[in-house]
Amino acid sequence: MGDIELRTFSLVKRSIAVGVTGLAVLAMTGTAHAAPSQGGAQARAAAPSCVKVKVDKGIISQTAYVTNRCSTTKRVKVRWSFAPDSGCNTLKPGQKFKTKRGLAAQFDGVPLC
């Protein structure tokens, strides 16, 4: 191989390595999202305004407190960026639940589930 061919080959290998590394970083940080399930709009719809949320940031973690102030039972979860979402919770009127994540997480809403 000539000198120019070797440089081109080396550059291609480096480019592929950078691309693969970038994809791995995206997968580990949770910014690569799976396609939504066939639950459709209901699975992604925001909880109604009668479902109240308060997020407290502590020194090493943050906690989301969710209260159902609606007159009917609601199934909701807490969505976080950069951390796993909470599981789906069935809340009767007046019921509460809380979920805690590390400080790297960012509160991203309360959808119905």
PDB file of N, CA and C in Angstrom:
ATOM      1  N   MET A   1       0.845  -1.188   0.000  1.00  0.00           N
ATOM      2  CA  MET A   1       0.000   0.000   0.000  1.00  0.00           C
ATOM      3  C   MET A   1       0.878   1.236   0.000  1.00  0.00           C
ATOM      4  N   GLY A   2       0.400   2.227  -0.705  1.00  0.00           N
ATOM      5  CA  GLY A   2       1.133   3.475  -0.743  1.00  0.00           C
ATOM      6  C   GLY A   2       0.840   4.314   0.491  1.00  0.00           C
ATOM      7  N   ASP A   3       1.621   5.363   0.650  1.00  0.00           N
ATOM      8  CA  ASP A   3       1.486   6.243   1.810  1.00  0.00           C
ATOM      9  C   ASP A   3       0.107   6.904   1.866  1.00  0.00           C
ATOM     10  N   ILE A   4      -0.406   7.332   0.735  1.00  0.00           N
ATOM     11  CA  ILE A   4      -1.721   8.003   0.688  1.00  0.00           C
ATOM     12  C   ILE A   4      -2.831   7.012   0.990  1.00  0.00           C
ATOM     13  N   GLU A   5      -2.731   5.792   0.445  1.00  0.00           N
ATOM     14  CA  GLU A   5      -3.742   4.775   0.700  1.00  0.00           C
ATOM     15  C   GLU A   5      -3.783   4.424   2.188  1.00  0.00           C
ATOM     16  N   LEU A   6      -2.632   4.328   2.827  1.00  0.00           N
ATOM     17  CA  LEU A   6      -2.569   4.015   4.255  1.00  0.00           C
ATOM     18  C   LEU A   6      -3.226   5.103   5.087  1.00  0.00           C
ATOM     19  N   ARG A   7      -2.972   6.360   4.762  1.00  0.00           N
ATOM     20  CA  ARG A   7      -3.600   7.462   5.500  1.00  0.00           C
ATOM     21  C   ARG A   7      -5.110   7.432   5.334  1.00  0.00           C
ATOM     22  N   THR A   8      -5.583   7.209   4.111  1.00  0.00           N
ATOM     23  CA  THR A   8      -7.028   7.162   3.852  1.00  0.00           C
ATOM     24  C   THR A   8      -7.660   6.017   4.631  1.00  0.00           C
ATOM     25  N   PHE A   9      -7.045   4.848   4.614  1.00  0.00           N
ATOM     26  CA  PHE A   9      -7.550   3.687   5.343  1.00  0.00           C
ATOM     27  C   PHE A   9      -7.606   3.973   6.842  1.00  0.00           C
ATOM     28  N   SER A  10      -6.558   4.597   7.382  1.00  0.00           N
ATOM     29  CA  SER A  10      -6.501   4.934   8.799  1.00  0.00           C
ATOM     30  C   SER A  10      -7.592   5.945   9.169  1.00  0.00           C
ATOM     31  N   LEU A  11      -7.817   6.925   8.294  1.00  0.00           N
ATOM     32  CA  LEU A  11      -8.855   7.933   8.535  1.00  0.00           C
ATOM     33  C   LEU A  11     -10.241   7.299   8.550  1.00  0.00           C
ATOM     34  N   VAL A  12     -10.492   6.360   7.648  1.00  0.00           N
ATOM     35  CA  VAL A  12     -11.781   5.668   7.596  1.00  0.00           C
ATOM     36  C   VAL A  12     -11.991   4.866   8.878  1.00  0.00           C
ATOM     37  N   LYS A  13     -10.950   4.152   9.323  1.00  0.00           N
ATOM     38  CA  LYS A  13     -11.066   3.378  10.563  1.00  0.00           C
ATOM     39  C   LYS A  13     -11.359   4.286  11.754  1.00  0.00           C
ATOM     40  N   ARG A  14     -10.688   5.422  11.824  1.00  0.00           N
ATOM     41  CA  ARG A  14     -10.920   6.374  12.918  1.00  0.00           C
ATOM     42  C   ARG A  14     -12.341   6.919  12.882  1.00  0.00           C
ATOM     43  N   SER A  15     -12.830   7.240  11.707  1.00  0.00           N
ATOM     44  CA  SER A  15     -14.197   7.774  11.566  1.00  0.00           C
ATOM     45  C   SER A  15     -15.232   6.766  12.026  1.00  0.00           C
ATOM     46  N   ILE A  16     -15.024   5.512  11.661  1.00  0.00           N
ATOM     47  CA  ILE A  16     -15.951   4.463  12.090  1.00  0.00           C
ATOM     48  C   ILE A  16     -15.901   4.305  13.610  1.00  0.00           C
ATOM     49  N   ALA A  17     -14.725   4.332  14.184  1.00  0.00           N
ATOM     50  CA  ALA A  17     -14.579   4.194  15.634  1.00  0.00           C
ATOM     51  C   ALA A  17     -15.272   5.339  16.366  1.00  0.00           C
ATOM     52  N   VAL A  18     -15.128   6.557  15.857  1.00  0.00           N
ATOM     53  CA  VAL A  18     -15.787   7.710  16.485  1.00  0.00           C
ATOM     54  C   VAL A  18     -17.302   7.569  16.394  1.00  0.00           C
ATOM     55  N   GLY A  19     -17.809   7.117  15.253  1.00  0.00           N
ATOM     56  CA  GLY A  19     -19.252   6.935  15.089  1.00  0.00           C
ATOM     57  C   GLY A  19     -19.810   5.891  16.037  1.00  0.00           C
ATOM     58  N   VAL A  20     -19.125   4.760  16.147  1.00  0.00           N
ATOM     59  CA  VAL A  20     -19.570   3.694  17.048  1.00  0.00           C
ATOM     60  C   VAL A  20     -19.519   4.163  18.499  1.00  0.00           C
ATOM     61  N   THR A  21     -18.480   4.876  18.870  1.00  0.00           N
ATOM     62  CA  THR A  21     -18.374   5.402  20.234  1.00  0.00           C
ATOM     63  C   THR A  21     -19.510   6.381  20.520  1.00  0.00           C
ATOM     64  N   GLY A  22     -19.821   7.248  19.564  1.00  0.00           N
ATOM     65  CA  GLY A  22     -20.925   8.197  19.748  1.00  0.00           C
ATOM     66  C   GLY A  22     -22.251   7.495  19.957  1.00  0.00           C
ATOM     67  N   LEU A  23     -22.509   6.445  19.190  1.00  0.00           N
ATOM     68  CA  LEU A  23     -23.750   5.681  19.363  1.00  0.00           C
ATOM     69  C   LEU A  23     -23.803   5.013  20.731  1.00  0.00           C
ATOM     70  N   ALA A  24     -22.664   4.492  21.182  1.00  0.00           N
ATOM     71  CA  ALA A  24     -22.622   3.855  22.501  1.00  0.00           C
ATOM     72  C   ALA A  24     -22.910   4.870  23.600  1.00  0.00           C
ATOM     73  N   VAL A  25     -22.375   6.065  23.488  1.00  0.00           N
ATOM     74  CA  VAL A  25     -22.623   7.113  24.486  1.00  0.00           C
ATOM     75  C   VAL A  25     -24.099   7.484  24.492  1.00  0.00           C
ATOM     76  N   LEU A  26     -24.700   7.642  23.319  1.00  0.00           N
ATOM     77  CA  LEU A  26     -26.133   7.958  23.257  1.00  0.00           C
ATOM     78  C   LEU A  26     -26.966   6.867  23.915  1.00  0.00           C
ATOM     79  N   ALA A  27     -26.629   5.626  23.664  1.00  0.00           N
ATOM     80  CA  ALA A  27     -27.392   4.522  24.253  1.00  0.00           C
ATOM     81  C   ALA A  27     -27.265   4.507  25.771  1.00  0.00           C
ATOM     82  N   MET A  28     -26.075   4.801  26.299  1.00  0.00           N
ATOM     83  CA  MET A  28     -25.869   4.759  27.745  1.00  0.00           C
ATOM     84  C   MET A  28     -26.521   5.940  28.455  1.00  0.00           C
ATOM     85  N   THR A  29     -26.647   7.084  27.819  1.00  0.00           N
ATOM     86  CA  THR A  29     -27.225   8.245  28.484  1.00  0.00           C
ATOM     87  C   THR A  29     -28.737   8.288  28.376  1.00  0.00           C
ATOM     88  N   GLY A  30     -29.305   7.376  27.612  1.00  0.00           N
ATOM     89  CA  GLY A  30     -30.759   7.338  27.517  1.00  0.00           C
ATOM     90  C   GLY A  30     -31.329   8.339  26.537  1.00  0.00           C
ATOM     91  N   THR A  31     -30.529   8.976  25.711  1.00  0.00           N
ATOM     92  CA  THR A  31     -31.076   9.926  24.760  1.00  0.00           C
ATOM     93  C   THR A  31     -31.544   9.244  23.485  1.00  0.00           C
ATOM     94  N   ALA A  32     -31.187   7.997  23.289  1.00  0.00           N
ATOM     95  CA  ALA A  32     -31.734   7.238  22.171  1.00  0.00           C
ATOM     96  C   ALA A  32     -33.013   6.591  22.678  1.00  0.00           C
ATOM     97  N   HIS A  33     -34.147   6.936  22.117  1.00  0.00           N
ATOM     98  CA  HIS A  33     -35.434   6.472  22.617  1.00  0.00           C
ATOM     99  C   HIS A  33     -36.006   5.373  21.736  1.00  0.00           C
ATOM    100  N   ALA A  34     -36.657   4.427  22.363  1.00  0.00           N
ATOM    101  CA  ALA A  34     -37.329   3.374  21.617  1.00  0.00           C
ATOM    102  C   ALA A  34     -38.605   3.934  21.004  1.00  0.00           C
ATOM    103  N   ALA A  35     -39.075   3.279  19.974  1.00  0.00           N
ATOM    104  CA  ALA A  35     -40.321   3.705  19.334  1.00  0.00           C
ATOM    105  C   ALA A  35     -41.466   3.519  20.317  1.00  0.00           C
ATOM    106  N   PRO A  36     -42.467   4.407  20.307  1.00  0.00           N
ATOM    107  CA  PRO A  36     -43.586   4.270  21.240  1.00  0.00           C
ATOM    108  C   PRO A  36     -44.378   3.012  20.968  1.00  0.00           C
ATOM    109  N   SER A  37     -44.967   2.465  22.028  1.00  0.00           N
ATOM    110  CA  SER A  37     -45.794   1.275  21.874  1.00  0.00           C
ATOM    111  C   SER A  37     -47.088   1.641  21.179  1.00  0.00           C
ATOM    112  N   GLN A  38     -47.867   0.621  20.845  1.00  0.00           N
ATOM    113  CA  GLN A  38     -49.103   0.896  20.133  1.00  0.00           C
ATOM    114  C   GLN A  38     -50.178   1.469  21.040  1.00  0.00           C
ATOM    115  N   GLY A  39     -49.843   1.755  22.298  1.00  0.00           N
ATOM    116  CA  GLY A  39     -50.793   2.397  23.194  1.00  0.00           C
ATOM    117  C   GLY A  39     -51.211   3.751  22.662  1.00  0.00           C
ATOM    118  N   GLY A  40     -50.375   4.330  21.802  1.00  0.00           N
ATOM    119  CA  GLY A  40     -50.713   5.570  21.114  1.00  0.00           C
ATOM    120  C   GLY A  40     -50.796   6.764  22.018  1.00  0.00           C
ATOM    121  N   ALA A  41     -51.727   7.657  21.710  1.00  0.00           N
ATOM    122  CA  ALA A  41     -51.832   8.939  22.403  1.00  0.00           C
ATOM    123  C   ALA A  41     -52.132   8.771  23.890  1.00  0.00           C
ATOM    124  N   GLN A  42     -52.906   7.773  24.253  1.00  0.00           N
ATOM    125  CA  GLN A  42     -53.249   7.570  25.668  1.00  0.00           C
ATOM    126  C   GLN A  42     -51.998   7.327  26.501  1.00  0.00           C
ATOM    127  N   ALA A  43     -51.047   6.557  25.969  1.00  0.00           N
ATOM    128  CA  ALA A  43     -49.833   6.237  26.715  1.00  0.00           C
ATOM    129  C   ALA A  43     -48.947   7.460  26.897  1.00  0.00           C
ATOM    130  N   ARG A  44     -49.047   8.444  26.007  1.00  0.00           N
ATOM    131  CA  ARG A  44     -48.174   9.603  26.083  1.00  0.00           C
ATOM    132  C   ARG A  44     -48.898  10.851  26.564  1.00  0.00           C
ATOM    133  N   ALA A  45     -50.198  10.804  26.709  1.00  0.00           N
ATOM    134  CA  ALA A  45     -50.967  11.984  27.098  1.00  0.00           C
ATOM    135  C   ALA A  45     -50.588  12.418  28.512  1.00  0.00           C
ATOM    136  N   ALA A  46     -50.495  13.713  28.695  1.00  0.00           N
ATOM    137  CA  ALA A  46     -50.181  14.248  30.022  1.00  0.00           C
ATOM    138  C   ALA A  46     -51.351  13.998  30.965  1.00  0.00           C
ATOM    139  N   ALA A  47     -51.032  13.798  32.219  1.00  0.00           N
ATOM    140  CA  ALA A  47     -52.079  13.640  33.224  1.00  0.00           C
ATOM    141  C   ALA A  47     -52.863  14.951  33.329  1.00  0.00           C
ATOM    142  N   PRO A  48     -54.144  14.882  33.704  1.00  0.00           N
ATOM    143  CA  PRO A  48     -54.924  16.114  33.826  1.00  0.00           C
ATOM    144  C   PRO A  48     -54.389  17.014  34.948  1.00  0.00           C
ATOM    145  N   SER A  49     -54.804  18.258  34.930  1.00  0.00           N
ATOM    146  CA  SER A  49     -54.292  19.243  35.898  1.00  0.00           C
ATOM    147  C   SER A  49     -54.687  18.927  37.341  1.00  0.00           C
ATOM    148  N   CYS A  50     -55.657  18.039  37.534  1.00  0.00           N
ATOM    149  CA  CYS A  50     -56.026  17.674  38.905  1.00  0.00           C
ATOM    150  C   CYS A  50     -55.030  16.681  39.522  1.00  0.00           C
ATOM    151  N   VAL A  51     -54.088  16.170  38.719  1.00  0.00           N
ATOM    152  CA  VAL A  51     -52.987  15.365  39.253  1.00  0.00           C
ATOM    153  C   VAL A  51     -51.849  16.346  39.532  1.00  0.00           C
ATOM    154  N   LYS A  52     -51.525  16.509  40.793  1.00  0.00           N
ATOM    155  CA  LYS A  52     -50.538  17.508  41.221  1.00  0.00           C
ATOM    156  C   LYS A  52     -49.176  16.870  41.439  1.00  0.00           C
ATOM    157  N   VAL A  53     -48.125  17.602  41.076  1.00  0.00           N
ATOM    158  CA  VAL A  53     -46.754  17.115  41.228  1.00  0.00           C
ATOM    159  C   VAL A  53     -45.913  18.184  41.895  1.00  0.00           C
ATOM    160  N   LYS A  54     -45.084  17.749  42.833  1.00  0.00           N
ATOM    161  CA  LYS A  54     -44.110  18.633  43.463  1.00  0.00           C
ATOM    162  C   LYS A  54     -42.767  17.912  43.413  1.00  0.00           C
ATOM    163  N   VAL A  55     -41.729  18.603  42.926  1.00  0.00           N
ATOM    164  CA  VAL A  55     -40.395  18.003  42.849  1.00  0.00           C
ATOM    165  C   VAL A  55     -39.484  18.741  43.817  1.00  0.00           C
ATOM    166  N   ASP A  56     -38.928  18.006  44.762  1.00  0.00           N
ATOM    167  CA  ASP A  56     -37.975  18.556  45.732  1.00  0.00           C
ATOM    168  C   ASP A  56     -36.574  18.101  45.367  1.00  0.00           C
ATOM    169  N   LYS A  57     -35.652  19.047  45.239  1.00  0.00           N
ATOM    170  CA  LYS A  57     -34.255  18.713  44.963  1.00  0.00           C
ATOM    171  C   LYS A  57     -33.486  18.753  46.272  1.00  0.00           C
ATOM    172  N   GLY A  58     -32.876  17.622  46.609  1.00  0.00           N
ATOM    173  CA  GLY A  58     -32.047  17.544  47.795  1.00  0.00           C
ATOM    174  C   GLY A  58     -30.583  17.724  47.442  1.00  0.00           C
ATOM    175  N   ILE A  59     -29.723  17.338  48.362  1.00  0.00           N
ATOM    176  CA  ILE A  59     -28.283  17.476  48.153  1.00  0.00           C
ATOM    177  C   ILE A  59     -27.774  16.447  47.146  1.00  0.00           C
ATOM    178  N   ILE A  60     -28.239  15.197  47.258  1.00  0.00           N
ATOM    179  CA  ILE A  60     -27.747  14.156  46.353  1.00  0.00           C
ATOM    180  C   ILE A  60     -28.847  13.484  45.532  1.00  0.00           C
ATOM    181  N   SER A  61     -30.097  13.871  45.725  1.00  0.00           N
ATOM    182  CA  SER A  61     -31.188  13.269  44.965  1.00  0.00           C
ATOM    183  C   SER A  61     -32.348  14.257  44.855  1.00  0.00           C
ATOM    184  N   GLN A  62     -33.318  13.867  44.057  1.00  0.00           N
ATOM    185  CA  GLN A  62     -34.544  14.648  43.975  1.00  0.00           C
ATOM    186  C   GLN A  62     -35.730  13.694  44.028  1.00  0.00           C
ATOM    187  N   THR A  63     -36.821  14.168  44.588  1.00  0.00           N
ATOM    188  CA  THR A  63     -38.004  13.345  44.787  1.00  0.00           C
ATOM    189  C   THR A  63     -39.213  14.032  44.174  1.00  0.00           C
ATOM    190  N   ALA A  64     -39.984  13.259  43.396  1.00  0.00           N
ATOM    191  CA  ALA A  64     -41.236  13.763  42.834  1.00  0.00           C
ATOM    192  C   ALA A  64     -42.384  13.185  43.660  1.00  0.00           C
ATOM    193  N   TYR A  65     -43.243  14.062  44.158  1.00  0.00           N
ATOM    194  CA  TYR A  65     -44.432  13.668  44.917  1.00  0.00           C
ATOM    195  C   TYR A  65     -45.641  13.909  44.024  1.00  0.00           C
ATOM    196  N   VAL A  66     -46.436  12.862  43.796  1.00  0.00           N
ATOM    197  CA  VAL A  66     -47.597  12.948  42.911  1.00  0.00           C
ATOM    198  C   VAL A  66     -48.854  12.692  43.738  1.00  0.00           C
ATOM    199  N   THR A  67     -49.850  13.572  43.610  1.00  0.00           N
ATOM    200  CA  THR A  67     -51.113  13.443  44.344  1.00  0.00           C
ATOM    201  C   THR A  67     -52.270  13.491  43.353  1.00  0.00           C
ATOM    202  N   ASN A  68     -53.195  12.546  43.497  1.00  0.00           N
ATOM    203  CA  ASN A  68     -54.394  12.542  42.657  1.00  0.00           C
ATOM    204  C   ASN A  68     -55.489  13.343  43.352  1.00  0.00           C
ATOM    205  N   ARG A  69     -55.732  14.545  42.880  1.00  0.00           N
ATOM    206  CA  ARG A  69     -56.821  15.372  43.414  1.00  0.00           C
ATOM    207  C   ARG A  69     -58.039  15.333  42.496  1.00  0.00           C
ATOM    208  N   CYS A  70     -58.053  14.390  41.584  1.00  0.00           N
ATOM    209  CA  CYS A  70     -59.186  14.212  40.679  1.00  0.00           C
ATOM    210  C   CYS A  70     -60.305  13.454  41.403  1.00  0.00           C
ATOM    211  N   SER A  71     -61.483  13.450  40.818  1.00  0.00           N
ATOM    212  CA  SER A  71     -62.615  12.730  41.412  1.00  0.00           C
ATOM    213  C   SER A  71     -62.651  11.273  40.949  1.00  0.00           C
ATOM    214  N   THR A  72     -61.750  10.897  40.045  1.00  0.00           N
ATOM    215  CA  THR A  72     -61.698   9.528  39.535  1.00  0.00           C
ATOM    216  C   THR A  72     -60.283   8.971  39.672  1.00  0.00           C
ATOM    217  N   THR A  73     -60.167   7.655  39.592  1.00  0.00           N
ATOM    218  CA  THR A  73     -58.874   6.983  39.669  1.00  0.00           C
ATOM    219  C   THR A  73     -58.053   7.288  38.412  1.00  0.00           C
ATOM    220  N   LYS A  74     -56.760   7.514  38.592  1.00  0.00           N
ATOM    221  CA  LYS A  74     -55.849   7.805  37.477  1.00  0.00           C
ATOM    222  C   LYS A  74     -54.651   6.860  37.539  1.00  0.00           C
ATOM    223  N   ARG A  75     -54.161   6.451  36.363  1.00  0.00           N
ATOM    224  CA  ARG A  75     -52.933   5.655  36.245  1.00  0.00           C
ATOM    225  C   ARG A  75     -51.868   6.569  35.648  1.00  0.00           C
ATOM    226  N   VAL A  76     -50.840   6.860  36.430  1.00  0.00           N
ATOM    227  CA  VAL A  76     -49.804   7.806  36.000  1.00  0.00           C
ATOM    228  C   VAL A  76     -48.416   7.267  36.320  1.00  0.00           C
ATOM    229  N   LYS A  77     -47.427   7.842  35.670  1.00  0.00           N
ATOM    230  CA  LYS A  77     -46.031   7.566  35.997  1.00  0.00           C
ATOM    231  C   LYS A  77     -45.273   8.876  35.928  1.00  0.00           C
ATOM    232  N   VAL A  78     -44.101   8.917  36.545  1.00  0.00           N
ATOM    233  CA  VAL A  78     -43.235  10.093  36.474  1.00  0.00           C
ATOM    234  C   VAL A  78     -42.198   9.826  35.399  1.00  0.00           C
ATOM    235  N   ARG A  79     -42.101  10.751  34.453  1.00  0.00           N
ATOM    236  CA  ARG A  79     -41.113  10.638  33.381  1.00  0.00           C
ATOM    237  C   ARG A  79     -39.890  11.460  33.760  1.00  0.00           C
ATOM    238  N   TRP A  80     -38.712  10.853  33.631  1.00  0.00           N
ATOM    239  CA  TRP A  80     -37.447  11.509  33.927  1.00  0.00           C
ATOM    240  C   TRP A  80     -36.576  11.496  32.680  1.00  0.00           C
ATOM    241  N   SER A  81     -35.831  12.553  32.457  1.00  0.00           N
ATOM    242  CA  SER A  81     -34.768  12.548  31.463  1.00  0.00           C
ATOM    243  C   SER A  81     -33.496  12.135  32.183  1.00  0.00           C
ATOM    244  N   PHE A  82     -32.676  11.358  31.522  1.00  0.00           N
ATOM    245  CA  PHE A  82     -31.389  10.910  32.056  1.00  0.00           C
ATOM    246  C   PHE A  82     -31.525   9.969  33.249  1.00  0.00           C
ATOM    247  N   ALA A  83     -32.686   9.316  33.382  1.00  0.00           N
ATOM    248  CA  ALA A  83     -32.904   8.313  34.429  1.00  0.00           C
ATOM    249  C   ALA A  83     -34.134   7.500  34.039  1.00  0.00           C
ATOM    250  N   PRO A  84     -34.277   6.300  34.582  1.00  0.00           N
ATOM    251  CA  PRO A  84     -35.463   5.496  34.266  1.00  0.00           C
ATOM    252  C   PRO A  84     -36.741   6.156  34.797  1.00  0.00           C
ATOM    253  N   ASP A  85     -37.822   6.026  34.025  1.00  0.00           N
ATOM    254  CA  ASP A  85     -39.121   6.509  34.481  1.00  0.00           C
ATOM    255  C   ASP A  85     -39.611   5.635  35.635  1.00  0.00           C
ATOM    256  N   SER A  86     -40.549   6.170  36.408  1.00  0.00           N
ATOM    257  CA  SER A  86     -41.153   5.354  37.470  1.00  0.00           C
ATOM    258  C   SER A  86     -42.056   4.321  36.804  1.00  0.00           C
ATOM    259  N   GLY A  87     -42.482   3.372  37.584  1.00  0.00           N
ATOM    260  CA  GLY A  87     -43.476   2.431  37.077  1.00  0.00           C
ATOM    261  C   GLY A  87     -44.835   3.113  37.017  1.00  0.00           C
ATOM    262  N   CYS A  88     -45.790   2.454  36.405  1.00  0.00           N
ATOM    263  CA  CYS A  88     -47.149   2.990  36.329  1.00  0.00           C
ATOM    264  C   CYS A  88     -47.825   2.790  37.688  1.00  0.00           C
ATOM    265  N   ASN A  89     -48.454   3.846  38.202  1.00  0.00           N
ATOM    266  CA  ASN A  89     -49.095   3.808  39.520  1.00  0.00           C
ATOM    267  C   ASN A  89     -50.579   4.109  39.387  1.00  0.00           C
ATOM    268  N   THR A  90     -51.406   3.294  40.018  1.00  0.00           N
ATOM    269  CA  THR A  90     -52.847   3.527  40.036  1.00  0.00           C
ATOM    270  C   THR A  90     -53.176   4.299  41.309  1.00  0.00           C
ATOM    271  N   LEU A  91     -53.691   5.508  41.136  1.00  0.00           N
ATOM    272  CA  LEU A  91     -54.000   6.376  42.280  1.00  0.00           C
ATOM    273  C   LEU A  91     -55.498   6.633  42.350  1.00  0.00           C
ATOM    274  N   LYS A  92     -56.093   6.234  43.450  1.00  0.00           N
ATOM    275  CA  LYS A  92     -57.492   6.577  43.703  1.00  0.00           C
ATOM    276  C   LYS A  92     -57.541   8.043  44.111  1.00  0.00           C
ATOM    277  N   PRO A  93     -58.695   8.667  44.074  1.00  0.00           N
ATOM    278  CA  PRO A  93     -58.791  10.069  44.507  1.00  0.00           C
ATOM    279  C   PRO A  93     -58.190  10.251  45.904  1.00  0.00           C
ATOM    280  N   GLY A  94     -57.285  11.229  46.028  1.00  0.00           N
ATOM    281  CA  GLY A  94     -56.641  11.517  47.300  1.00  0.00           C
ATOM    282  C   GLY A  94     -55.356  10.745  47.549  1.00  0.00           C
ATOM    283  N   GLN A  95     -55.080   9.715  46.772  1.00  0.00           N
ATOM    284  CA  GLN A  95     -53.861   8.918  46.983  1.00  0.00           C
ATOM    285  C   GLN A  95     -52.631   9.637  46.455  1.00  0.00           C
ATOM    286  N   LYS A  96     -51.468   9.268  47.040  1.00  0.00           N
ATOM    287  CA  LYS A  96     -50.181   9.862  46.672  1.00  0.00           C
ATOM    288  C   LYS A  96     -49.168   8.766  46.427  1.00  0.00           C
ATOM    289  N   PHE A  97     -48.110   9.108  45.688  1.00  0.00           N
ATOM    290  CA  PHE A  97     -46.916   8.277  45.628  1.00  0.00           C
ATOM    291  C   PHE A  97     -45.719   9.172  45.390  1.00  0.00           C
ATOM    292  N   LYS A  98     -44.531   8.635  45.693  1.00  0.00           N
ATOM    293  CA  LYS A  98     -43.314   9.406  45.465  1.00  0.00           C
ATOM    294  C   LYS A  98     -42.297   8.516  44.775  1.00  0.00           C
ATOM    295  N   THR A  99     -41.402   9.158  44.045  1.00  0.00           N
ATOM    296  CA  THR A  99     -40.328   8.456  43.360  1.00  0.00           C
ATOM    297  C   THR A  99     -39.074   9.313  43.454  1.00  0.00           C
ATOM    298  N   LYS A 100     -37.942   8.668  43.669  1.00  0.00           N
ATOM    299  CA  LYS A 100     -36.684   9.397  43.901  1.00  0.00           C
ATOM    300  C   LYS A 100     -35.663   9.007  42.846  1.00  0.00           C
ATOM    301  N   ARG A 101     -34.905   9.993  42.377  1.00  0.00           N
ATOM    302  CA  ARG A 101     -33.818   9.783  41.416  1.00  0.00           C
ATOM    303  C   ARG A 101     -32.624  10.631  41.827  1.00  0.00           C
ATOM    304  N   GLY A 102     -31.464  10.330  41.256  1.00  0.00           N
ATOM    305  CA  GLY A 102     -30.261  11.109  41.508  1.00  0.00           C
ATOM    306  C   GLY A 102     -30.364  12.486  40.869  1.00  0.00           C
ATOM    307  N   LEU A 103     -29.442  13.375  41.230  1.00  0.00           N
ATOM    308  CA  LEU A 103     -29.478  14.754  40.735  1.00  0.00           C
ATOM    309  C   LEU A 103     -29.285  14.873  39.238  1.00  0.00           C
ATOM    310  N   ALA A 104     -28.665  13.884  38.592  1.00  0.00           N
ATOM    311  CA  ALA A 104     -28.479  13.958  37.145  1.00  0.00           C
ATOM    312  C   ALA A 104     -29.814  13.887  36.409  1.00  0.00           C
ATOM    313  N   ALA A 105     -30.813  13.267  37.015  1.00  0.00           N
ATOM    314  CA  ALA A 105     -32.129  13.152  36.390  1.00  0.00           C
ATOM    315  C   ALA A 105     -32.803  14.515  36.316  1.00  0.00           C
ATOM    316  N   GLN A 106     -33.661  14.667  35.315  1.00  0.00           N
ATOM    317  CA  GLN A 106     -34.452  15.885  35.183  1.00  0.00           C
ATOM    318  C   GLN A 106     -35.923  15.501  35.053  1.00  0.00           C
ATOM    319  N   PHE A 107     -36.765  16.114  35.862  1.00  0.00           N
ATOM    320  CA  PHE A 107     -38.198  15.844  35.797  1.00  0.00           C
ATOM    321  C   PHE A 107     -38.705  16.204  34.403  1.00  0.00           C
ATOM    322  N   ASP A 108     -39.497  15.290  33.804  1.00  0.00           N
ATOM    323  CA  ASP A 108     -39.936  15.490  32.425  1.00  0.00           C
ATOM    324  C   ASP A 108     -41.439  15.307  32.260  1.00  0.00           C
ATOM    325  N   GLY A 109     -42.192  15.315  33.343  1.00  0.00           N
ATOM    326  CA  GLY A 109     -43.642  15.266  33.222  1.00  0.00           C
ATOM    327  C   GLY A 109     -44.282  14.051  33.868  1.00  0.00           C
ATOM    328  N   VAL A 110     -45.622  14.096  33.887  1.00  0.00           N
ATOM    329  CA  VAL A 110     -46.423  12.995  34.442  1.00  0.00           C
ATOM    330  C   VAL A 110     -47.453  12.583  33.390  1.00  0.00           C
ATOM    331  N   PRO A 111     -47.144  11.559  32.608  1.00  0.00           N
ATOM    332  CA  PRO A 111     -48.108  11.093  31.612  1.00  0.00           C
ATOM    333  C   PRO A 111     -49.052  10.037  32.194  1.00  0.00           C
ATOM    334  N   LEU A 112     -50.177   9.871  31.541  1.00  0.00           N
ATOM    335  CA  LEU A 112     -51.074   8.774  31.867  1.00  0.00           C
ATOM    336  C   LEU A 112     -50.447   7.481  31.352  1.00  0.00           C
ATOM    337  N   CYS A 113     -50.803   6.382  31.959  1.00  0.00           N
ATOM    338  CA  CYS A 113     -50.291   5.092  31.464  1.00  0.00           C
ATOM    339  C   CYS A 113     -51.371   4.023  31.562  1.00  0.00           C
TER     340      CYS A 113
END
